[in-house]
N, C-alpha and C. Protein backbone atom coordinates (compact mmCIF):
# COMPACT_ATOMS: atom_id res chain seq x y z
N UNK A 1 135.66 110.21 32.99
CA UNK A 1 136.86 109.94 32.22
C UNK A 1 138.07 109.95 33.16
N UNK A 2 138.98 109.04 32.94
CA UNK A 2 140.18 108.94 33.78
C UNK A 2 141.08 110.16 33.56
N UNK A 3 141.82 110.50 34.60
CA UNK A 3 142.66 111.70 34.58
C UNK A 3 143.69 111.70 33.45
N UNK A 4 144.36 110.59 33.24
CA UNK A 4 145.40 110.54 32.20
C UNK A 4 144.79 110.75 30.81
N UNK A 5 143.61 110.17 30.57
CA UNK A 5 142.93 110.36 29.29
C UNK A 5 142.48 111.82 29.15
N UNK A 6 142.05 112.40 30.23
CA UNK A 6 141.59 113.80 30.20
C UNK A 6 142.77 114.74 29.91
N UNK A 7 143.92 114.46 30.49
CA UNK A 7 145.12 115.26 30.23
C UNK A 7 145.47 115.20 28.75
N UNK A 8 145.40 114.01 28.16
CA UNK A 8 145.67 113.85 26.73
C UNK A 8 144.63 114.59 25.89
N UNK A 9 143.36 114.46 26.27
CA UNK A 9 142.28 115.12 25.54
C UNK A 9 142.44 116.63 25.55
N UNK A 10 142.86 117.17 26.69
CA UNK A 10 143.05 118.62 26.83
C UNK A 10 144.38 119.09 26.24
N UNK A 11 145.19 118.12 25.75
CA UNK A 11 146.50 118.42 25.16
C UNK A 11 147.41 119.16 26.14
N UNK A 12 147.35 118.74 27.40
CA UNK A 12 148.19 119.34 28.44
C UNK A 12 149.54 118.64 28.46
N UNK A 13 150.57 119.40 28.72
CA UNK A 13 151.91 118.84 28.83
C UNK A 13 152.45 119.17 30.22
N UNK A 14 152.78 118.13 30.97
CA UNK A 14 153.36 118.32 32.30
C UNK A 14 154.87 118.47 32.15
N UNK A 15 155.47 119.33 32.96
CA UNK A 15 156.93 119.46 32.92
C UNK A 15 157.58 118.25 33.58
N UNK A 16 158.89 118.15 33.49
CA UNK A 16 159.59 117.15 34.28
C UNK A 16 159.37 117.51 35.74
N UNK A 17 159.18 116.51 36.62
CA UNK A 17 158.97 116.84 38.03
C UNK A 17 160.15 117.63 38.58
N UNK A 18 159.88 118.74 39.25
CA UNK A 18 160.97 119.54 39.80
C UNK A 18 161.70 118.82 40.93
N UNK A 19 162.98 119.07 41.02
CA UNK A 19 163.77 118.52 42.12
C UNK A 19 163.57 119.40 43.35
N UNK A 20 163.58 118.79 44.54
CA UNK A 20 163.40 119.59 45.76
C UNK A 20 164.47 120.68 45.87
N UNK A 21 164.04 121.84 46.36
CA UNK A 21 164.94 122.96 46.56
C UNK A 21 165.43 123.04 48.00
N UNK A 22 165.33 121.96 48.73
CA UNK A 22 165.74 121.92 50.13
C UNK A 22 165.64 120.50 50.64
N UNK A 23 165.59 120.38 51.95
CA UNK A 23 165.53 119.06 52.58
C UNK A 23 164.06 118.70 52.82
N UNK A 24 163.44 118.11 51.82
CA UNK A 24 162.05 117.67 51.90
C UNK A 24 161.77 116.74 50.73
N UNK A 25 160.64 116.04 50.81
CA UNK A 25 160.19 115.18 49.72
C UNK A 25 159.09 115.91 48.96
N UNK A 26 159.07 115.78 47.63
CA UNK A 26 158.01 116.43 46.86
C UNK A 26 156.62 115.89 47.21
N UNK A 27 156.53 114.59 47.50
CA UNK A 27 155.26 113.95 47.85
C UNK A 27 155.52 112.97 48.99
N UNK A 28 154.67 113.02 50.00
CA UNK A 28 154.69 112.04 51.09
C UNK A 28 153.32 111.39 51.13
N UNK A 29 153.31 110.06 51.06
CA UNK A 29 152.05 109.33 51.11
C UNK A 29 151.90 108.67 52.46
N UNK A 30 150.74 108.88 53.08
CA UNK A 30 150.37 108.24 54.34
C UNK A 30 149.05 107.54 54.08
N UNK A 31 149.10 106.22 53.99
CA UNK A 31 147.89 105.48 53.65
C UNK A 31 147.40 105.88 52.28
N UNK A 32 146.15 106.31 52.21
CA UNK A 32 145.55 106.73 50.93
C UNK A 32 145.55 108.24 50.75
N UNK A 33 146.46 108.93 51.43
CA UNK A 33 146.54 110.39 51.32
C UNK A 33 147.95 110.78 50.89
N UNK A 34 148.02 111.62 49.85
CA UNK A 34 149.29 112.16 49.39
C UNK A 34 149.35 113.65 49.71
N UNK A 35 150.42 114.02 50.38
CA UNK A 35 150.69 115.42 50.70
C UNK A 35 151.73 115.89 49.71
N UNK A 36 151.39 116.87 48.89
CA UNK A 36 152.29 117.37 47.86
C UNK A 36 152.86 118.71 48.33
N UNK A 37 154.20 118.76 48.41
CA UNK A 37 154.89 119.97 48.85
C UNK A 37 154.60 121.14 47.92
N UNK A 38 154.89 122.32 48.39
CA UNK A 38 154.70 123.53 47.60
C UNK A 38 155.47 123.48 46.29
N UNK A 39 154.79 123.82 45.21
CA UNK A 39 155.36 123.88 43.87
C UNK A 39 155.20 125.28 43.32
N UNK A 40 156.11 125.66 42.44
CA UNK A 40 156.04 126.93 41.76
C UNK A 40 155.68 126.75 40.30
N UNK A 41 155.56 127.87 39.58
CA UNK A 41 155.14 127.84 38.18
C UNK A 41 156.30 127.43 37.25
N UNK A 42 156.57 126.12 37.22
CA UNK A 42 157.63 125.56 36.39
C UNK A 42 157.08 125.23 35.02
N UNK A 43 157.61 125.90 34.00
CA UNK A 43 157.16 125.66 32.63
C UNK A 43 157.85 124.43 32.06
N UNK A 44 157.31 123.92 30.97
CA UNK A 44 157.86 122.73 30.32
C UNK A 44 159.32 122.93 29.92
N UNK A 45 159.69 124.17 29.59
CA UNK A 45 161.08 124.44 29.19
C UNK A 45 162.04 124.54 30.39
N UNK A 46 161.52 124.34 31.60
CA UNK A 46 162.36 124.34 32.79
C UNK A 46 162.52 125.70 33.46
N UNK A 47 161.93 126.74 32.90
CA UNK A 47 162.01 128.06 33.51
C UNK A 47 160.83 128.29 34.45
N UNK A 48 160.99 129.24 35.35
CA UNK A 48 159.95 129.59 36.31
C UNK A 48 159.36 130.96 35.98
N UNK A 49 158.10 131.15 36.28
CA UNK A 49 157.47 132.46 36.15
C UNK A 49 157.73 133.21 37.45
N UNK A 50 158.36 134.35 37.32
CA UNK A 50 158.72 135.14 38.50
C UNK A 50 158.11 136.54 38.40
N UNK A 51 158.12 137.22 39.52
CA UNK A 51 157.64 138.59 39.59
C UNK A 51 156.48 138.73 40.54
N UNK A 52 156.37 139.92 41.08
CA UNK A 52 155.33 140.23 42.07
C UNK A 52 154.05 140.65 41.36
N UNK A 53 152.94 140.02 41.78
CA UNK A 53 151.64 140.33 41.20
C UNK A 53 151.22 141.73 41.64
N UNK A 54 150.81 142.52 40.68
CA UNK A 54 150.44 143.91 40.95
C UNK A 54 151.59 144.86 40.65
N UNK A 55 152.75 144.32 40.33
CA UNK A 55 153.91 145.13 39.93
C UNK A 55 154.38 144.63 38.56
N UNK A 56 155.25 143.61 38.55
CA UNK A 56 155.78 143.09 37.28
C UNK A 56 154.83 142.12 36.59
N UNK A 57 153.88 141.57 37.32
CA UNK A 57 152.99 140.52 36.81
C UNK A 57 151.54 140.97 36.96
N UNK A 58 150.76 140.82 35.88
CA UNK A 58 149.34 141.16 35.95
C UNK A 58 148.55 140.04 36.59
N UNK A 59 147.31 140.32 36.94
CA UNK A 59 146.43 139.29 37.51
C UNK A 59 146.25 138.13 36.53
N UNK A 60 146.05 138.43 35.25
CA UNK A 60 145.87 137.37 34.25
C UNK A 60 147.13 136.53 34.08
N UNK A 61 148.29 137.17 34.09
CA UNK A 61 149.55 136.42 34.01
C UNK A 61 149.73 135.54 35.24
N UNK A 62 149.33 136.04 36.38
CA UNK A 62 149.43 135.27 37.63
C UNK A 62 148.47 134.09 37.61
N UNK A 63 147.28 134.28 37.05
CA UNK A 63 146.31 133.19 36.94
C UNK A 63 146.90 132.07 36.07
N UNK A 64 147.55 132.44 34.98
CA UNK A 64 148.21 131.45 34.12
C UNK A 64 149.37 130.79 34.87
N UNK A 65 150.09 131.55 35.69
CA UNK A 65 151.17 130.99 36.51
C UNK A 65 150.60 129.95 37.48
N UNK A 66 149.42 130.20 38.03
CA UNK A 66 148.79 129.24 38.94
C UNK A 66 148.42 127.96 38.19
N UNK A 67 147.95 128.10 36.97
CA UNK A 67 147.63 126.93 36.15
C UNK A 67 148.90 126.12 35.88
N UNK A 68 149.96 126.79 35.52
CA UNK A 68 151.24 126.12 35.25
C UNK A 68 151.78 125.47 36.52
N UNK A 69 151.57 126.11 37.65
CA UNK A 69 151.96 125.52 38.93
C UNK A 69 151.22 124.21 39.16
N UNK A 70 149.95 124.18 38.81
CA UNK A 70 149.16 122.95 38.93
C UNK A 70 149.74 121.82 38.09
N UNK A 71 150.21 122.13 36.89
CA UNK A 71 150.82 121.11 36.04
C UNK A 71 152.10 120.57 36.66
N UNK A 72 152.91 121.46 37.25
CA UNK A 72 154.15 121.03 37.91
C UNK A 72 153.84 120.15 39.12
N UNK A 73 152.84 120.54 39.88
CA UNK A 73 152.42 119.76 41.05
C UNK A 73 151.96 118.37 40.62
N UNK A 74 151.19 118.30 39.54
CA UNK A 74 150.72 117.01 39.04
C UNK A 74 151.86 116.16 38.49
N UNK A 75 152.89 116.79 37.96
CA UNK A 75 154.05 116.05 37.48
C UNK A 75 154.72 115.30 38.63
N UNK A 76 154.85 115.95 39.77
CA UNK A 76 155.44 115.28 40.95
C UNK A 76 154.52 114.19 41.46
N UNK A 77 153.22 114.45 41.48
CA UNK A 77 152.28 113.45 41.96
C UNK A 77 152.28 112.23 41.04
N UNK A 78 152.31 112.45 39.73
CA UNK A 78 152.37 111.34 38.76
C UNK A 78 153.65 110.54 38.94
N UNK A 79 154.78 111.22 39.15
CA UNK A 79 156.05 110.52 39.36
C UNK A 79 155.98 109.63 40.59
N UNK A 80 155.29 110.08 41.62
CA UNK A 80 155.15 109.30 42.85
C UNK A 80 154.19 108.13 42.68
N UNK A 81 153.04 108.38 42.04
CA UNK A 81 151.98 107.37 41.95
C UNK A 81 152.13 106.43 40.75
N UNK A 82 152.82 106.90 39.72
CA UNK A 82 152.90 106.13 38.48
C UNK A 82 151.81 106.52 37.49
N UNK A 83 150.66 106.95 37.98
CA UNK A 83 149.55 107.38 37.13
C UNK A 83 148.61 108.27 37.94
N UNK A 84 148.15 109.33 37.30
CA UNK A 84 147.18 110.21 37.97
C UNK A 84 145.80 109.59 38.01
N UNK A 85 145.62 108.45 37.34
CA UNK A 85 144.35 107.73 37.44
C UNK A 85 144.11 107.20 38.85
N UNK A 86 145.14 107.17 39.67
CA UNK A 86 145.00 106.71 41.06
C UNK A 86 144.41 107.78 41.98
N UNK A 87 144.27 109.00 41.48
CA UNK A 87 143.69 110.07 42.31
C UNK A 87 142.20 109.85 42.46
N UNK A 88 141.75 109.81 43.71
CA UNK A 88 140.32 109.71 44.01
C UNK A 88 139.71 111.11 44.04
N UNK A 89 140.38 112.01 44.78
CA UNK A 89 139.89 113.38 44.86
C UNK A 89 140.96 114.31 45.39
N UNK A 90 140.83 115.57 45.02
CA UNK A 90 141.62 116.64 45.62
C UNK A 90 140.94 117.00 46.93
N UNK A 91 141.69 116.96 48.02
CA UNK A 91 141.11 117.23 49.34
C UNK A 91 141.25 118.70 49.71
N UNK A 92 142.48 119.24 49.62
CA UNK A 92 142.74 120.60 50.11
C UNK A 92 143.93 121.18 49.38
N UNK A 93 143.87 122.46 49.09
CA UNK A 93 144.98 123.18 48.46
C UNK A 93 145.23 124.48 49.21
N UNK A 94 146.49 124.88 49.22
CA UNK A 94 146.89 126.19 49.73
C UNK A 94 147.61 126.90 48.60
N UNK A 95 147.04 128.00 48.14
CA UNK A 95 147.65 128.81 47.09
C UNK A 95 148.20 130.10 47.67
N UNK A 96 149.47 130.35 47.36
CA UNK A 96 150.16 131.54 47.86
C UNK A 96 150.55 132.42 46.68
N UNK A 97 150.23 133.69 46.76
CA UNK A 97 150.47 134.63 45.67
C UNK A 97 151.47 135.68 46.14
N UNK A 98 152.56 135.80 45.41
CA UNK A 98 153.59 136.82 45.68
C UNK A 98 153.04 138.13 45.14
N UNK A 99 152.52 138.98 46.02
CA UNK A 99 151.80 140.17 45.57
C UNK A 99 152.18 141.42 46.35
N UNK A 100 151.95 142.55 45.69
CA UNK A 100 152.12 143.84 46.38
C UNK A 100 151.04 143.93 47.45
N UNK A 101 151.28 144.71 48.51
CA UNK A 101 150.30 144.79 49.61
C UNK A 101 148.90 145.23 49.17
N UNK A 102 148.80 146.03 48.12
CA UNK A 102 147.51 146.55 47.68
C UNK A 102 146.69 145.52 46.91
N UNK A 103 147.32 144.44 46.45
CA UNK A 103 146.61 143.44 45.65
C UNK A 103 145.73 142.60 46.57
N UNK A 104 144.46 142.41 46.17
CA UNK A 104 143.55 141.67 47.04
C UNK A 104 142.77 140.56 46.35
N UNK A 105 143.16 140.23 45.13
CA UNK A 105 142.38 139.25 44.36
C UNK A 105 143.10 137.90 44.28
N UNK A 106 143.65 137.48 45.40
CA UNK A 106 144.37 136.21 45.46
C UNK A 106 143.52 135.02 45.02
N UNK A 107 142.23 134.93 45.45
CA UNK A 107 141.40 133.81 45.00
C UNK A 107 141.24 133.76 43.48
N UNK A 108 141.14 134.91 42.83
CA UNK A 108 141.01 134.94 41.36
C UNK A 108 142.27 134.39 40.70
N UNK A 109 143.43 134.67 41.26
CA UNK A 109 144.69 134.14 40.73
C UNK A 109 144.71 132.62 40.88
N UNK A 110 144.40 132.12 42.06
CA UNK A 110 144.49 130.68 42.34
C UNK A 110 143.40 129.91 41.59
N UNK A 111 142.37 130.60 41.10
CA UNK A 111 141.38 129.94 40.25
C UNK A 111 142.02 129.31 39.01
N UNK A 112 143.15 129.84 38.55
CA UNK A 112 143.84 129.22 37.42
C UNK A 112 144.20 127.78 37.72
N UNK A 113 144.64 127.53 38.93
CA UNK A 113 144.96 126.18 39.41
C UNK A 113 143.68 125.36 39.63
N UNK A 114 142.72 125.96 40.33
CA UNK A 114 141.50 125.24 40.68
C UNK A 114 140.71 124.84 39.44
N UNK A 115 140.66 125.70 38.44
CA UNK A 115 139.96 125.37 37.20
C UNK A 115 140.65 124.22 36.49
N UNK A 116 141.98 124.18 36.52
CA UNK A 116 142.74 123.07 35.93
C UNK A 116 142.39 121.75 36.61
N UNK A 117 142.38 121.75 37.94
CA UNK A 117 142.07 120.53 38.69
C UNK A 117 140.65 120.04 38.36
N UNK A 118 139.71 120.96 38.25
CA UNK A 118 138.34 120.60 37.90
C UNK A 118 138.28 120.06 36.47
N UNK A 119 139.04 120.67 35.56
CA UNK A 119 139.05 120.22 34.17
C UNK A 119 139.59 118.80 34.05
N UNK A 120 140.55 118.45 34.88
CA UNK A 120 141.18 117.12 34.81
C UNK A 120 140.38 116.07 35.59
N UNK A 121 139.99 116.40 36.82
CA UNK A 121 139.38 115.41 37.71
C UNK A 121 137.87 115.56 37.86
N UNK A 122 137.26 116.50 37.17
CA UNK A 122 135.83 116.75 37.32
C UNK A 122 135.52 117.29 38.70
N UNK A 123 134.35 116.99 39.22
CA UNK A 123 133.98 117.51 40.55
C UNK A 123 134.90 116.98 41.64
N UNK A 124 135.56 115.84 41.43
CA UNK A 124 136.53 115.34 42.41
C UNK A 124 137.80 116.18 42.44
N UNK A 125 137.94 117.10 41.50
CA UNK A 125 139.08 118.02 41.48
C UNK A 125 138.79 119.33 42.18
N UNK A 126 137.58 119.45 42.75
CA UNK A 126 137.20 120.66 43.49
C UNK A 126 137.24 120.32 44.97
N UNK A 127 138.28 120.82 45.65
CA UNK A 127 138.45 120.53 47.07
C UNK A 127 138.36 121.79 47.90
N UNK A 128 138.64 121.64 49.17
CA UNK A 128 138.75 122.81 50.05
C UNK A 128 139.99 123.60 49.62
N UNK A 129 140.01 124.91 49.88
CA UNK A 129 141.11 125.72 49.39
C UNK A 129 141.29 126.99 50.21
N UNK A 130 142.53 127.40 50.32
CA UNK A 130 142.86 128.72 50.84
C UNK A 130 143.71 129.42 49.79
N UNK A 131 143.52 130.73 49.64
CA UNK A 131 144.31 131.53 48.71
C UNK A 131 144.75 132.78 49.46
N UNK A 132 146.06 132.94 49.63
CA UNK A 132 146.57 134.03 50.44
C UNK A 132 147.69 134.78 49.72
N UNK A 133 147.91 136.00 50.15
CA UNK A 133 149.00 136.81 49.61
C UNK A 133 150.23 136.70 50.48
N UNK A 134 151.38 136.78 49.84
CA UNK A 134 152.67 136.71 50.52
C UNK A 134 153.51 137.92 50.13
N UNK A 135 154.34 138.36 51.04
CA UNK A 135 155.26 139.46 50.74
C UNK A 135 156.37 139.06 49.82
N UNK A 136 156.71 137.76 49.82
CA UNK A 136 157.71 137.21 48.90
C UNK A 136 157.54 135.70 48.86
N UNK A 137 158.10 135.09 47.83
CA UNK A 137 158.14 133.64 47.70
C UNK A 137 159.54 133.26 47.22
N UNK A 138 159.96 132.01 47.40
CA UNK A 138 161.32 131.61 47.02
C UNK A 138 161.62 131.92 45.55
N UNK A 139 162.79 132.50 45.31
CA UNK A 139 163.20 132.81 43.94
C UNK A 139 162.32 133.83 43.25
N UNK A 140 161.53 134.56 44.03
CA UNK A 140 160.60 135.56 43.51
C UNK A 140 159.54 134.95 42.59
N UNK A 141 159.23 133.63 42.76
CA UNK A 141 158.17 133.04 41.94
C UNK A 141 156.86 133.76 42.23
N UNK A 142 155.98 133.77 41.24
CA UNK A 142 154.73 134.51 41.36
C UNK A 142 153.68 133.78 42.19
N UNK A 143 153.73 132.44 42.15
CA UNK A 143 152.72 131.62 42.82
C UNK A 143 153.38 130.37 43.39
N UNK A 144 152.92 129.91 44.53
CA UNK A 144 153.30 128.61 45.08
C UNK A 144 152.04 127.93 45.58
N UNK A 145 151.92 126.62 45.29
CA UNK A 145 150.73 125.88 45.69
C UNK A 145 151.14 124.53 46.27
N UNK A 146 150.51 124.14 47.37
CA UNK A 146 150.66 122.81 47.93
C UNK A 146 149.28 122.18 47.98
N UNK A 147 149.23 120.84 48.02
CA UNK A 147 147.93 120.16 47.95
C UNK A 147 147.93 118.83 48.66
N UNK A 148 146.73 118.38 48.98
CA UNK A 148 146.51 117.06 49.60
C UNK A 148 145.51 116.33 48.72
N UNK A 149 145.85 115.08 48.35
CA UNK A 149 144.99 114.26 47.50
C UNK A 149 144.68 112.93 48.18
N UNK A 150 143.45 112.45 48.01
CA UNK A 150 143.11 111.08 48.36
C UNK A 150 143.39 110.22 47.13
N UNK A 151 144.07 109.09 47.33
CA UNK A 151 144.44 108.21 46.22
C UNK A 151 144.03 106.77 46.52
N UNK A 152 144.01 105.94 45.50
CA UNK A 152 143.78 104.52 45.72
C UNK A 152 145.07 103.89 46.21
N UNK A 153 144.93 102.80 47.00
CA UNK A 153 146.08 102.12 47.61
C UNK A 153 147.09 101.73 46.60
């Protein structure tokens, strides 16, 4: 099933694509590869999920923040491509979790994002991935994720 139809079937709502918070492009395409800059957990209402995992934010809340981050990332990719049906596969993702030093379940948090990608793109939504902890993230967001996608010309 095509990605756009799957998004509709799952009743997912993507936020408006976020504007860059600095001097960079949200998506850069080189040939059939799109590099998507780091995105945070931007909700449809325009607010961000903030707080440090293991302190103000639970693991489950952070997992949901990672899922919401995936929706924001896809909003920028859709704005660039015109349609997510042009995605061939997710190649690589880097998930960063704003966590207390004692927190060690970063992969479980980023699974919220990875499960979303699999739900939308099927096995082509399962790519290589890193999930790491950070001492802080911009604006105290709970999660930031960047990704690389192969797309049709």
